[in-house]
Amino acid sequence: MAVQVTTTWLGEMRFESTNPSGHNLFIDAGEDNGGKGEGYRPKALMLSALAGCSGLDVASLIKKMKLEVDDFKIEIEANLTEEHPKYYDKVAMHFHFYGSDLNEKKLQRTVDLSIEKYCGVMEMFRQFSELDVQTHFHSK
């Protein structure tokens, strides 16, 4: 299945990028790199893609398994190499689940299925990063 994205220069350091969903996004450099900070930074966008990919998997599995979860979030911390080309060589991903009746075993299974089987972005990150995935449960 081919996916097409078109990214168009809007002048200075700003770009607009299409998405197959029909929603466009803007990319811009920070002021320290000649931009105005009016869009996403490309490398940080990769981390959002990783969290979004895995998050969609987990949300779908929560629904399928009929699990009780009040809320969940994914926090990512990544180390950027010093030399060019700079890339993320270490990525720590923390899943946080909140609720009064959390089934920790099944929720851990949703995370495991996402990171081991379903999340294609995770598989891409495995090619260049050392990954550390942790799950945290917060009872209300």
N, C-alpha and C. Protein backbone atom coordinates (compact mmCIF):
# COMPACT_ATOMS: atom_id res chain seq x y z
N MET A 1 0.85 -1.18 0.00
CA MET A 1 0.00 0.00 0.00
C MET A 1 0.89 1.24 0.00
N ALA A 2 0.78 2.03 -1.01
CA ALA A 2 1.56 3.26 -1.12
C ALA A 2 0.86 4.40 -0.38
N VAL A 3 1.64 5.21 0.31
CA VAL A 3 1.13 6.38 1.01
C VAL A 3 1.84 7.59 0.42
N GLN A 4 1.08 8.63 0.13
CA GLN A 4 1.70 9.83 -0.42
C GLN A 4 1.49 11.01 0.52
N VAL A 5 2.57 11.71 0.78
CA VAL A 5 2.56 12.94 1.56
C VAL A 5 3.29 13.98 0.72
N THR A 6 2.73 15.17 0.61
CA THR A 6 3.39 16.25 -0.11
C THR A 6 3.69 17.36 0.88
N THR A 7 4.94 17.79 0.90
CA THR A 7 5.37 18.84 1.82
C THR A 7 5.83 20.03 0.99
N THR A 8 5.18 21.18 1.20
CA THR A 8 5.38 22.36 0.37
C THR A 8 6.02 23.48 1.19
N TRP A 9 7.06 24.05 0.64
CA TRP A 9 7.76 25.16 1.29
C TRP A 9 6.89 26.40 1.27
N LEU A 10 6.73 27.04 2.41
CA LEU A 10 5.92 28.26 2.52
C LEU A 10 6.79 29.50 2.69
N GLY A 11 8.08 29.35 2.51
CA GLY A 11 9.00 30.46 2.69
C GLY A 11 9.71 30.36 4.03
N GLU A 12 10.84 31.02 4.10
CA GLU A 12 11.71 30.96 5.27
C GLU A 12 11.94 29.51 5.67
N MET A 13 11.61 29.10 6.89
CA MET A 13 11.84 27.73 7.35
C MET A 13 10.52 26.99 7.58
N ARG A 14 9.44 27.43 6.95
CA ARG A 14 8.11 26.89 7.21
C ARG A 14 7.63 26.04 6.04
N PHE A 15 6.99 24.91 6.38
CA PHE A 15 6.43 23.99 5.39
C PHE A 15 5.03 23.58 5.80
N GLU A 16 4.23 23.22 4.80
CA GLU A 16 2.93 22.60 5.06
C GLU A 16 2.97 21.20 4.48
N SER A 17 2.55 20.23 5.27
CA SER A 17 2.61 18.84 4.85
C SER A 17 1.21 18.23 4.83
N THR A 18 0.88 17.57 3.71
CA THR A 18 -0.41 16.91 3.60
C THR A 18 -0.36 15.59 4.37
N ASN A 19 -1.52 15.04 4.61
CA ASN A 19 -1.63 13.76 5.30
C ASN A 19 -2.78 13.00 4.66
N PRO A 20 -2.66 11.69 4.52
CA PRO A 20 -3.76 10.92 3.91
C PRO A 20 -5.11 11.10 4.62
N SER A 21 -5.10 11.56 5.88
CA SER A 21 -6.35 11.79 6.60
C SER A 21 -7.07 13.03 6.09
N GLY A 22 -6.36 13.87 5.34
CA GLY A 22 -6.95 15.11 4.87
C GLY A 22 -6.63 16.30 5.77
N HIS A 23 -5.99 16.05 6.90
CA HIS A 23 -5.58 17.11 7.81
C HIS A 23 -4.12 17.44 7.56
N ASN A 24 -3.85 18.70 7.32
CA ASN A 24 -2.48 19.12 7.06
C ASN A 24 -1.82 19.59 8.35
N LEU A 25 -0.49 19.57 8.35
CA LEU A 25 0.22 20.09 9.50
C LEU A 25 1.36 20.98 9.01
N PHE A 26 1.81 21.83 9.93
CA PHE A 26 2.87 22.76 9.60
C PHE A 26 4.15 22.36 10.32
N ILE A 27 5.26 22.53 9.62
CA ILE A 27 6.58 22.22 10.14
C ILE A 27 7.38 23.52 10.08
N ASP A 28 8.09 23.83 11.17
CA ASP A 28 8.90 25.05 11.19
C ASP A 28 10.07 24.83 12.14
N ALA A 29 11.14 25.52 11.86
CA ALA A 29 12.30 25.48 12.76
C ALA A 29 12.06 26.45 13.91
N GLY A 30 12.78 26.25 14.99
CA GLY A 30 12.74 27.19 16.10
C GLY A 30 13.48 28.46 15.75
N GLU A 31 13.27 29.48 16.56
CA GLU A 31 13.92 30.77 16.30
C GLU A 31 15.43 30.66 16.29
N ASP A 32 15.98 29.75 17.09
CA ASP A 32 17.43 29.56 17.14
C ASP A 32 17.98 28.95 15.86
N ASN A 33 17.10 28.43 14.99
CA ASN A 33 17.52 27.84 13.71
C ASN A 33 16.91 28.56 12.51
N GLY A 34 16.53 29.81 12.69
CA GLY A 34 16.04 30.62 11.58
C GLY A 34 14.56 30.55 11.31
N GLY A 35 13.82 29.84 12.14
CA GLY A 35 12.37 29.76 11.96
C GLY A 35 11.64 30.65 12.93
N LYS A 36 10.33 30.51 12.95
CA LYS A 36 9.50 31.31 13.86
C LYS A 36 8.78 30.43 14.88
N GLY A 37 9.07 29.12 14.86
CA GLY A 37 8.42 28.23 15.82
C GLY A 37 6.93 28.09 15.59
N GLU A 38 6.49 28.20 14.34
CA GLU A 38 5.06 28.16 14.02
C GLU A 38 4.60 26.81 13.52
N GLY A 39 5.32 25.78 13.88
CA GLY A 39 4.93 24.44 13.45
C GLY A 39 5.67 23.39 14.24
N TYR A 40 5.42 22.16 13.89
CA TYR A 40 6.07 21.03 14.55
C TYR A 40 7.52 20.94 14.13
N ARG A 41 8.35 20.45 15.04
CA ARG A 41 9.74 20.14 14.71
C ARG A 41 9.76 18.71 14.18
N PRO A 42 10.48 18.44 13.10
CA PRO A 42 10.44 17.10 12.49
C PRO A 42 10.81 15.95 13.42
N LYS A 43 11.87 16.09 14.19
CA LYS A 43 12.26 14.96 15.05
C LYS A 43 11.26 14.74 16.17
N ALA A 44 10.75 15.81 16.76
CA ALA A 44 9.73 15.67 17.81
C ALA A 44 8.46 15.05 17.23
N LEU A 45 8.17 15.37 15.98
CA LEU A 45 7.00 14.79 15.31
C LEU A 45 7.13 13.28 15.21
N MET A 46 8.36 12.80 15.06
CA MET A 46 8.57 11.35 15.05
C MET A 46 8.17 10.72 16.38
N LEU A 47 8.48 11.41 17.48
CA LEU A 47 8.10 10.89 18.80
C LEU A 47 6.58 10.91 18.97
N SER A 48 5.93 11.95 18.46
CA SER A 48 4.47 12.01 18.50
C SER A 48 3.87 10.88 17.67
N ALA A 49 4.50 10.58 16.54
CA ALA A 49 4.03 9.48 15.70
C ALA A 49 4.15 8.15 16.43
N LEU A 50 5.25 7.96 17.16
CA LEU A 50 5.44 6.74 17.93
C LEU A 50 4.37 6.61 19.01
N ALA A 51 4.16 7.67 19.77
CA ALA A 51 3.13 7.65 20.82
C ALA A 51 1.73 7.48 20.23
N GLY A 52 1.47 8.15 19.13
CA GLY A 52 0.15 8.05 18.50
C GLY A 52 -0.13 6.67 17.95
N CYS A 53 0.87 6.07 17.31
CA CYS A 53 0.71 4.73 16.74
C CYS A 53 0.40 3.72 17.85
N SER A 54 1.21 3.72 18.89
CA SER A 54 1.01 2.78 19.98
C SER A 54 -0.26 3.12 20.76
N GLY A 55 -0.53 4.40 20.94
CA GLY A 55 -1.74 4.83 21.64
C GLY A 55 -3.01 4.36 20.96
N LEU A 56 -3.03 4.45 19.64
CA LEU A 56 -4.20 3.97 18.88
C LEU A 56 -4.39 2.47 19.06
N ASP A 57 -3.27 1.73 19.04
CA ASP A 57 -3.34 0.28 19.28
C ASP A 57 -3.95 -0.01 20.65
N VAL A 58 -3.40 0.64 21.68
CA VAL A 58 -3.85 0.39 23.05
C VAL A 58 -5.31 0.79 23.23
N ALA A 59 -5.70 1.94 22.69
CA ALA A 59 -7.10 2.39 22.80
C ALA A 59 -8.04 1.38 22.15
N SER A 60 -7.65 0.87 21.00
CA SER A 60 -8.48 -0.12 20.30
C SER A 60 -8.59 -1.41 21.12
N LEU A 61 -7.47 -1.84 21.71
CA LEU A 61 -7.49 -3.07 22.50
C LEU A 61 -8.26 -2.88 23.82
N ILE A 62 -8.19 -1.70 24.41
CA ILE A 62 -8.98 -1.41 25.62
C ILE A 62 -10.46 -1.58 25.30
N LYS A 63 -10.87 -1.07 24.14
CA LYS A 63 -12.28 -1.18 23.73
C LYS A 63 -12.65 -2.63 23.47
N LYS A 64 -11.82 -3.34 22.72
CA LYS A 64 -12.11 -4.75 22.41
C LYS A 64 -12.18 -5.62 23.65
N MET A 65 -11.28 -5.36 24.62
CA MET A 65 -11.24 -6.17 25.84
C MET A 65 -12.21 -5.68 26.91
N LYS A 66 -12.92 -4.57 26.59
CA LYS A 66 -13.89 -3.98 27.51
C LYS A 66 -13.26 -3.68 28.88
N LEU A 67 -12.10 -3.04 28.85
CA LEU A 67 -11.38 -2.71 30.08
C LEU A 67 -11.83 -1.35 30.61
N GLU A 68 -11.82 -1.21 31.91
CA GLU A 68 -12.19 0.04 32.57
C GLU A 68 -10.93 0.90 32.76
N VAL A 69 -10.86 1.99 32.03
CA VAL A 69 -9.74 2.92 32.14
C VAL A 69 -10.32 4.33 32.09
N ASP A 70 -10.03 5.13 33.12
CA ASP A 70 -10.52 6.51 33.11
C ASP A 70 -9.72 7.36 32.14
N ASP A 71 -8.41 7.11 32.09
CA ASP A 71 -7.55 7.92 31.26
C ASP A 71 -6.22 7.20 31.08
N PHE A 72 -5.52 7.51 29.99
CA PHE A 72 -4.14 7.06 29.87
C PHE A 72 -3.36 8.04 29.02
N LYS A 73 -2.07 8.08 29.28
CA LYS A 73 -1.20 8.96 28.49
C LYS A 73 0.13 8.26 28.28
N ILE A 74 0.84 8.73 27.30
CA ILE A 74 2.15 8.18 26.95
C ILE A 74 3.15 9.31 26.99
N GLU A 75 4.17 9.15 27.81
CA GLU A 75 5.24 10.14 27.87
C GLU A 75 6.49 9.53 27.26
N ILE A 76 7.18 10.31 26.45
CA ILE A 76 8.39 9.82 25.79
C ILE A 76 9.54 10.78 26.09
N GLU A 77 10.66 10.19 26.46
CA GLU A 77 11.91 10.93 26.63
C GLU A 77 12.90 10.29 25.65
N ALA A 78 13.56 11.14 24.87
CA ALA A 78 14.48 10.60 23.86
C ALA A 78 15.81 11.33 23.91
N ASN A 79 16.87 10.60 23.69
CA ASN A 79 18.21 11.17 23.64
C ASN A 79 18.61 11.39 22.18
N LEU A 80 18.98 12.61 21.87
CA LEU A 80 19.42 12.97 20.52
C LEU A 80 20.94 12.92 20.47
N THR A 81 21.49 12.26 19.48
CA THR A 81 22.95 12.17 19.36
C THR A 81 23.54 13.57 19.14
N GLU A 82 24.81 13.71 19.45
CA GLU A 82 25.49 15.01 19.34
C GLU A 82 25.94 15.30 17.91
N GLU A 83 26.38 14.26 17.20
CA GLU A 83 26.93 14.48 15.87
C GLU A 83 25.87 14.33 14.78
N HIS A 84 26.14 15.00 13.66
CA HIS A 84 25.21 14.96 12.52
C HIS A 84 25.44 13.69 11.72
N PRO A 85 24.43 13.09 11.15
CA PRO A 85 23.02 13.47 11.33
C PRO A 85 22.54 13.08 12.73
N LYS A 86 21.88 14.02 13.40
CA LYS A 86 21.39 13.76 14.76
C LYS A 86 20.14 12.88 14.69
N TYR A 87 20.11 11.88 15.55
CA TYR A 87 18.95 10.98 15.60
C TYR A 87 18.77 10.52 17.04
N TYR A 88 17.63 9.92 17.30
CA TYR A 88 17.33 9.41 18.64
C TYR A 88 17.97 8.03 18.80
N ASP A 89 18.98 7.94 19.65
CA ASP A 89 19.62 6.64 19.85
C ASP A 89 19.05 5.89 21.06
N LYS A 90 18.38 6.62 21.97
CA LYS A 90 17.73 6.00 23.12
C LYS A 90 16.37 6.63 23.32
N VAL A 91 15.35 5.80 23.46
CA VAL A 91 13.98 6.28 23.64
C VAL A 91 13.35 5.53 24.81
N ALA A 92 12.84 6.31 25.77
CA ALA A 92 12.11 5.74 26.90
C ALA A 92 10.64 6.12 26.74
N MET A 93 9.79 5.11 26.77
CA MET A 93 8.36 5.31 26.56
C MET A 93 7.63 4.84 27.81
N HIS A 94 6.84 5.74 28.41
CA HIS A 94 6.13 5.44 29.64
C HIS A 94 4.62 5.52 29.41
N PHE A 95 3.95 4.40 29.60
CA PHE A 95 2.49 4.34 29.52
C PHE A 95 1.94 4.54 30.93
N HIS A 96 1.03 5.49 31.09
CA HIS A 96 0.41 5.75 32.39
C HIS A 96 -1.09 5.50 32.26
N PHE A 97 -1.60 4.58 33.07
CA PHE A 97 -3.02 4.27 33.09
C PHE A 97 -3.62 4.74 34.41
N TYR A 98 -4.81 5.35 34.34
CA TYR A 98 -5.49 5.89 35.51
C TYR A 98 -6.89 5.28 35.61
N GLY A 99 -7.30 4.94 36.82
CA GLY A 99 -8.65 4.43 37.02
C GLY A 99 -8.80 3.79 38.39
N SER A 100 -10.04 3.53 38.76
CA SER A 100 -10.31 2.94 40.09
C SER A 100 -10.36 1.42 40.02
N ASP A 101 -10.52 0.86 38.82
CA ASP A 101 -10.64 -0.59 38.70
C ASP A 101 -9.79 -1.08 37.52
N LEU A 102 -8.48 -0.85 37.60
CA LEU A 102 -7.58 -1.20 36.50
C LEU A 102 -7.23 -2.69 36.54
N ASN A 103 -7.40 -3.34 35.39
CA ASN A 103 -6.95 -4.73 35.26
C ASN A 103 -5.52 -4.66 34.73
N GLU A 104 -4.56 -4.64 35.64
CA GLU A 104 -3.17 -4.40 35.27
C GLU A 104 -2.63 -5.45 34.31
N LYS A 105 -2.99 -6.69 34.52
CA LYS A 105 -2.50 -7.77 33.66
C LYS A 105 -2.96 -7.58 32.21
N LYS A 106 -4.25 -7.29 32.04
CA LYS A 106 -4.77 -7.12 30.68
C LYS A 106 -4.28 -5.81 30.05
N LEU A 107 -4.13 -4.77 30.85
CA LEU A 107 -3.61 -3.52 30.30
C LEU A 107 -2.16 -3.68 29.87
N GLN A 108 -1.39 -4.42 30.64
CA GLN A 108 -0.02 -4.70 30.23
C GLN A 108 0.00 -5.47 28.92
N ARG A 109 -0.97 -6.35 28.76
CA ARG A 109 -1.09 -7.12 27.51
C ARG A 109 -1.36 -6.20 26.32
N THR A 110 -2.18 -5.16 26.51
CA THR A 110 -2.45 -4.22 25.41
C THR A 110 -1.16 -3.51 24.99
N VAL A 111 -0.35 -3.12 25.97
CA VAL A 111 0.92 -2.46 25.68
C VAL A 111 1.86 -3.43 24.96
N ASP A 112 1.95 -4.64 25.49
CA ASP A 112 2.84 -5.64 24.88
C ASP A 112 2.44 -5.95 23.44
N LEU A 113 1.16 -6.09 23.19
CA LEU A 113 0.70 -6.37 21.81
C LEU A 113 1.06 -5.21 20.88
N SER A 114 0.89 -3.99 21.37
CA SER A 114 1.23 -2.84 20.54
C SER A 114 2.71 -2.83 20.21
N ILE A 115 3.56 -2.93 21.23
CA ILE A 115 4.99 -2.76 20.99
C ILE A 115 5.64 -3.97 20.32
N GLU A 116 5.05 -5.15 20.48
CA GLU A 116 5.65 -6.36 19.91
C GLU A 116 5.05 -6.77 18.58
N LYS A 117 3.79 -6.36 18.32
CA LYS A 117 3.10 -6.89 17.15
C LYS A 117 2.51 -5.84 16.21
N TYR A 118 1.81 -4.85 16.75
CA TYR A 118 0.99 -3.99 15.90
C TYR A 118 1.62 -2.66 15.47
N CYS A 119 2.40 -2.03 16.30
CA CYS A 119 2.85 -0.66 16.01
C CYS A 119 4.02 -0.65 15.03
N GLY A 120 3.72 -0.26 13.80
CA GLY A 120 4.75 -0.19 12.76
C GLY A 120 5.77 0.90 13.02
N VAL A 121 5.36 1.99 13.65
CA VAL A 121 6.31 3.05 13.96
C VAL A 121 7.33 2.54 14.99
N MET A 122 6.86 1.73 15.93
CA MET A 122 7.77 1.12 16.91
C MET A 122 8.81 0.26 16.20
N GLU A 123 8.37 -0.49 15.22
CA GLU A 123 9.30 -1.35 14.46
C GLU A 123 10.34 -0.49 13.74
N MET A 124 9.93 0.65 13.21
CA MET A 124 10.88 1.54 12.55
C MET A 124 11.90 2.07 13.56
N PHE A 125 11.43 2.47 14.75
CA PHE A 125 12.34 2.99 15.78
C PHE A 125 13.35 1.92 16.20
N ARG A 126 12.94 0.66 16.19
CA ARG A 126 13.85 -0.41 16.58
C ARG A 126 15.10 -0.46 15.69
N GLN A 127 15.00 0.07 14.48
CA GLN A 127 16.11 0.03 13.54
C GLN A 127 17.25 0.95 13.93
N PHE A 128 16.96 1.97 14.76
CA PHE A 128 18.01 2.94 15.08
C PHE A 128 18.05 3.35 16.55
N SER A 129 17.14 2.87 17.38
CA SER A 129 17.10 3.29 18.78
C SER A 129 17.09 2.12 19.74
N GLU A 130 17.63 2.38 20.91
CA GLU A 130 17.50 1.46 22.03
C GLU A 130 16.22 1.89 22.76
N LEU A 131 15.26 0.97 22.87
CA LEU A 131 13.95 1.30 23.42
C LEU A 131 13.78 0.75 24.83
N ASP A 132 13.18 1.56 25.68
CA ASP A 132 12.84 1.15 27.05
C ASP A 132 11.37 1.51 27.24
N VAL A 133 10.52 0.51 27.37
CA VAL A 133 9.08 0.74 27.53
C VAL A 133 8.67 0.32 28.93
N GLN A 134 7.99 1.22 29.63
CA GLN A 134 7.52 0.94 30.98
C GLN A 134 6.06 1.28 31.10
N THR A 135 5.36 0.51 31.95
CA THR A 135 3.93 0.74 32.18
C THR A 135 3.72 1.10 33.65
N HIS A 136 2.91 2.12 33.88
CA HIS A 136 2.64 2.61 35.23
C HIS A 136 1.12 2.62 35.45
N PHE A 137 0.69 2.15 36.62
CA PHE A 137 -0.74 2.10 36.95
C PHE A 137 -1.00 3.04 38.12
N HIS A 138 -2.02 3.88 37.96
CA HIS A 138 -2.37 4.87 38.98
C HIS A 138 -3.82 4.65 39.38
N SER A 139 -4.05 4.11 40.56
CA SER A 139 -5.41 3.88 41.05
C SER A 139 -5.96 5.17 41.66
N LYS A 140 -7.25 5.38 41.42
CA LYS A 140 -7.88 6.58 41.97
C LYS A 140 -8.60 6.25 43.25
